[in-house]
Protein backbone atom coordinates (compact mmCIF):
# COMPACT_ATOMS: atom_id res chain seq x y z
CA UNK A 1 0.03 0.03 -0.09
CA UNK A 2 1.41 3.37 -1.03
CA UNK A 3 1.11 6.21 1.44
CA UNK A 4 0.28 9.89 0.15
CA UNK A 5 2.06 12.59 1.98
CA UNK A 6 0.38 15.97 2.10
CA UNK A 7 1.53 19.44 3.10
CA UNK A 8 -0.75 22.05 4.54
CA UNK A 9 -2.17 24.59 1.98
CA UNK A 10 -0.52 27.89 2.85
CA UNK A 11 -1.59 31.55 2.10
CA UNK A 12 0.68 34.28 3.16
CA UNK A 13 2.47 31.88 5.64
CA UNK A 14 -0.72 30.79 7.31
CA UNK A 15 -2.49 27.40 6.86
CA UNK A 16 -5.86 27.51 4.99
CA UNK A 17 -6.89 24.23 6.50
CA UNK A 18 -6.80 22.35 3.24
CA UNK A 19 -4.18 19.94 2.11
CA UNK A 20 -2.29 19.71 -1.07
CA UNK A 21 -0.55 16.52 -2.22
CA UNK A 22 3.26 16.96 -1.57
CA UNK A 23 5.04 18.46 -4.64
CA UNK A 24 1.94 19.99 -6.12
CA UNK A 25 1.14 23.72 -6.03
CA UNK A 26 -2.28 25.28 -5.89
CA UNK A 27 -3.28 26.54 -9.30
CA UNK A 28 -3.66 30.29 -9.26
CA UNK A 29 -7.09 31.57 -10.46
CA UNK A 30 -7.78 34.33 -12.83
CA UNK A 31 -10.12 36.72 -10.89
CA UNK A 32 -12.03 39.91 -11.74
CA UNK A 33 -12.60 42.38 -8.98
CA UNK A 34 -14.98 45.11 -10.02
CA UNK A 35 -14.59 48.26 -7.90
CA UNK A 36 -11.08 46.92 -7.09
CA UNK A 37 -9.71 50.37 -6.80
CA UNK A 38 -11.96 51.15 -3.81
CA UNK A 39 -11.19 50.70 -0.16
CA UNK A 40 -12.49 47.19 0.33
CA UNK A 41 -11.76 46.12 -3.32
CA UNK A 42 -8.11 47.12 -3.06
CA UNK A 43 -7.58 45.09 0.15
CA UNK A 44 -9.23 42.14 -1.47
CA UNK A 45 -6.91 42.58 -4.47
CA UNK A 46 -3.90 42.53 -2.04
CA UNK A 47 -5.07 39.34 -0.54
CA UNK A 48 -5.74 37.57 -3.80
CA UNK A 49 -2.32 38.47 -5.23
CA UNK A 50 -0.61 37.39 -2.05
CA UNK A 51 -2.13 34.01 -2.34
CA UNK A 52 -0.90 33.59 -5.94
CA UNK A 53 -4.00 34.44 -8.07
CA UNK A 54 -3.98 36.70 -11.14
CA UNK A 55 -6.23 39.59 -10.65
CA UNK A 56 -7.98 41.97 -13.09
CA UNK A 57 -9.26 45.14 -11.43
CA UNK A 58 -12.21 46.78 -13.28
CA UNK A 59 -12.99 50.27 -12.03
CA UNK A 60 -14.20 53.57 -13.53
CA UNK A 61 -12.73 55.56 -10.58
CA UNK A 62 -16.07 57.18 -9.68
CA UNK A 63 -15.26 56.55 -6.06
CA UNK A 64 -12.15 54.23 -6.30
CA UNK A 65 -8.61 55.60 -6.45
CA UNK A 66 -5.75 54.36 -8.66
CA UNK A 67 -3.37 55.03 -5.77
CA UNK A 68 -5.00 52.07 -3.84
CA UNK A 69 -3.62 49.51 -6.30
CA UNK A 70 -0.58 51.36 -7.71
CA UNK A 71 1.82 49.16 -5.83
CA UNK A 72 0.65 46.21 -8.03
CA UNK A 73 1.28 47.81 -11.39
CA UNK A 74 4.67 46.12 -12.04
CA UNK A 75 3.30 42.70 -10.90
CA UNK A 76 2.73 40.39 -13.97
CA UNK A 77 -0.33 38.88 -12.23
CA UNK A 78 -2.07 42.16 -11.98
CA UNK A 79 -4.08 44.03 -14.70
CA UNK A 80 -6.03 47.28 -14.44
CA UNK A 81 -9.01 48.08 -16.71
CA UNK A 82 -10.58 51.53 -16.48
CA UNK A 83 -14.19 50.50 -17.38
CA UNK A 84 -17.75 51.09 -16.21
CA UNK A 85 -19.56 47.84 -15.43
CA UNK A 86 -22.70 49.36 -16.95
CA UNK A 87 -21.08 48.53 -20.35
CA UNK A 88 -20.62 44.73 -21.15
CA UNK A 89 -17.14 43.29 -20.70
CA UNK A 90 -15.69 40.20 -22.23
CA UNK A 91 -12.91 38.37 -20.34
CA UNK A 92 -11.98 34.76 -19.61
CA UNK A 93 -11.91 34.34 -15.71
CA UNK A 94 -12.53 31.73 -13.02
CA UNK A 95 -14.14 34.09 -10.46
CA UNK A 96 -15.83 37.42 -10.36
CA UNK A 97 -15.95 39.49 -7.07
CA UNK A 98 -18.55 42.19 -7.91
CA UNK A 99 -17.93 45.19 -5.55
CA UNK A 100 -18.64 48.06 -7.99
CA UNK A 101 -21.07 50.55 -6.64
CA UNK A 102 -20.79 53.88 -4.71
CA UNK A 103 -21.43 52.69 -1.08
CA UNK A 104 -21.42 56.11 0.68
CA UNK A 105 -24.52 58.31 0.89
CA UNK A 106 -22.32 61.26 -0.16
CA UNK A 107 -21.42 59.44 -3.44
CA UNK A 108 -24.62 57.91 -4.40
CA UNK A 109 -26.64 60.98 -3.69
CA UNK A 110 -24.40 62.93 -5.98
CA UNK A 111 -25.46 60.79 -8.96
CA UNK A 112 -28.45 58.54 -7.98
CA UNK A 113 -29.10 57.41 -11.64
CA UNK A 114 -25.59 56.17 -12.00
CA UNK A 115 -25.91 54.19 -8.64
CA UNK A 116 -29.12 52.52 -9.82
CA UNK A 117 -27.56 51.68 -13.24
CA UNK A 118 -24.51 50.20 -11.59
CA UNK A 119 -26.62 48.24 -9.21
CA UNK A 120 -28.86 46.82 -11.89
CA UNK A 121 -27.27 46.89 -15.25
CA UNK A 122 -23.71 46.44 -13.91
CA UNK A 123 -24.71 43.38 -11.95
CA UNK A 124 -26.64 41.97 -14.92
CA UNK A 125 -23.53 42.36 -17.09
CA UNK A 126 -21.26 40.70 -14.52
CA UNK A 127 -23.74 37.84 -14.17
CA UNK A 128 -23.86 37.48 -17.88
CA UNK A 129 -20.11 37.27 -17.88
CA UNK A 130 -20.02 34.67 -15.17
CA UNK A 131 -22.60 32.59 -16.99
CA UNK A 132 -20.81 32.74 -20.35
CA UNK A 133 -17.45 31.63 -19.01
CA UNK A 134 -18.62 29.40 -16.16
CA UNK A 135 -17.04 31.70 -13.48
CA UNK A 136 -18.05 31.70 -9.87
CA UNK A 137 -19.75 34.89 -8.72
CA UNK A 138 -19.73 36.87 -5.43
CA UNK A 139 -21.94 40.05 -5.08
CA UNK A 140 -21.15 42.32 -2.15
CA UNK A 141 -23.39 45.04 -0.76
CA UNK A 142 -23.21 47.91 1.71
CA UNK A 143 -24.67 47.91 5.10
CA UNK A 144 -26.74 50.92 3.91
CA UNK A 145 -29.31 48.28 2.75
CA UNK A 146 -30.17 47.98 6.44
CA UNK A 147 -30.64 51.69 7.01
CA UNK A 148 -29.72 53.39 10.22
CA UNK A 149 -29.31 50.55 12.71
CA UNK A 150 -31.21 50.75 16.09
CA UNK A 151 -28.85 48.14 17.68
CA UNK A 152 -25.02 47.85 17.66
CA UNK A 153 -23.61 45.46 16.74
CA UNK A 154 -26.20 44.00 14.37
CA UNK A 155 -26.96 40.19 14.83
CA UNK A 156 -27.85 38.04 11.83
CA UNK A 157 -31.54 38.04 12.66
CA UNK A 158 -31.64 41.94 12.65
CA UNK A 159 -34.03 43.20 9.86
CA UNK A 160 -32.80 46.83 9.79
CA UNK A 161 -34.31 50.15 10.08
CA UNK A 162 -34.91 51.39 6.47
CA UNK A 163 -36.36 54.72 5.86
CA UNK A 164 -37.58 54.63 2.15
CA UNK A 165 -36.94 58.40 1.72
CA UNK A 166 -33.79 58.53 3.80
CA UNK A 167 -30.10 58.15 3.04
CA UNK A 168 -30.38 54.44 2.15
CA UNK A 169 -33.18 54.84 -0.37
CA UNK A 170 -30.97 53.91 -3.34
CA UNK A 171 -29.54 50.61 -1.68
CA UNK A 172 -32.41 49.22 0.41
CA UNK A 173 -34.77 48.24 -2.32
CA UNK A 174 -32.02 46.26 -4.08
CA UNK A 175 -31.41 43.55 -1.32
CA UNK A 176 -34.55 41.54 -2.11
CA UNK A 177 -34.31 42.33 -5.81
CA UNK A 178 -30.87 40.72 -6.10
CA UNK A 179 -32.10 37.48 -4.44
CA UNK A 180 -34.75 37.06 -7.09
CA UNK A 181 -32.36 38.33 -9.71
CA UNK A 182 -29.85 35.59 -9.04
CA UNK A 183 -32.47 32.78 -8.87
CA UNK A 184 -34.03 33.69 -12.20
CA UNK A 185 -30.81 34.44 -13.95
CA UNK A 186 -29.15 31.15 -13.16
CA UNK A 187 -32.08 28.84 -12.94
CA UNK A 188 -34.49 30.05 -15.42
CA UNK A 189 -32.48 31.84 -18.13
């Protein structure tokens, strides 16, 4: 009987809990991060590159900043595309992390139509890309969908305190919309 020897799967010097057969390396993925020049997106990009993935940042710089990802410009596993997700995009990728959307009331009140188009048309375009290339898809959102919370910290069962004419009016209606959107897009279309 032949024994297999495994080494722990490591990311940035820490074990991921998984095991890789000795002598084999984890295959790096090709990942798109929309909104990757924003605060959260740029930190996600740092993490993905540190674990060995190739990352394509797609950002129109409406709220993101090029300075957040400039330190990756000379990295061959990094690409930057100045693009608005409201327009279709054709790429070959393994995963899509969709973070593109102004999250702050200051930004989305400045241009509410752009925020709605990014939420709806941008997400539809990224879902279409995921379906065409068979990529896994992650949609993120802002806590603004829950309104101004009455309790801190919020537990998973908290339903929020949404004011339909308040600061979160552009994000709150989209939370249930996206649940139906995903269901029909992937199961019906």
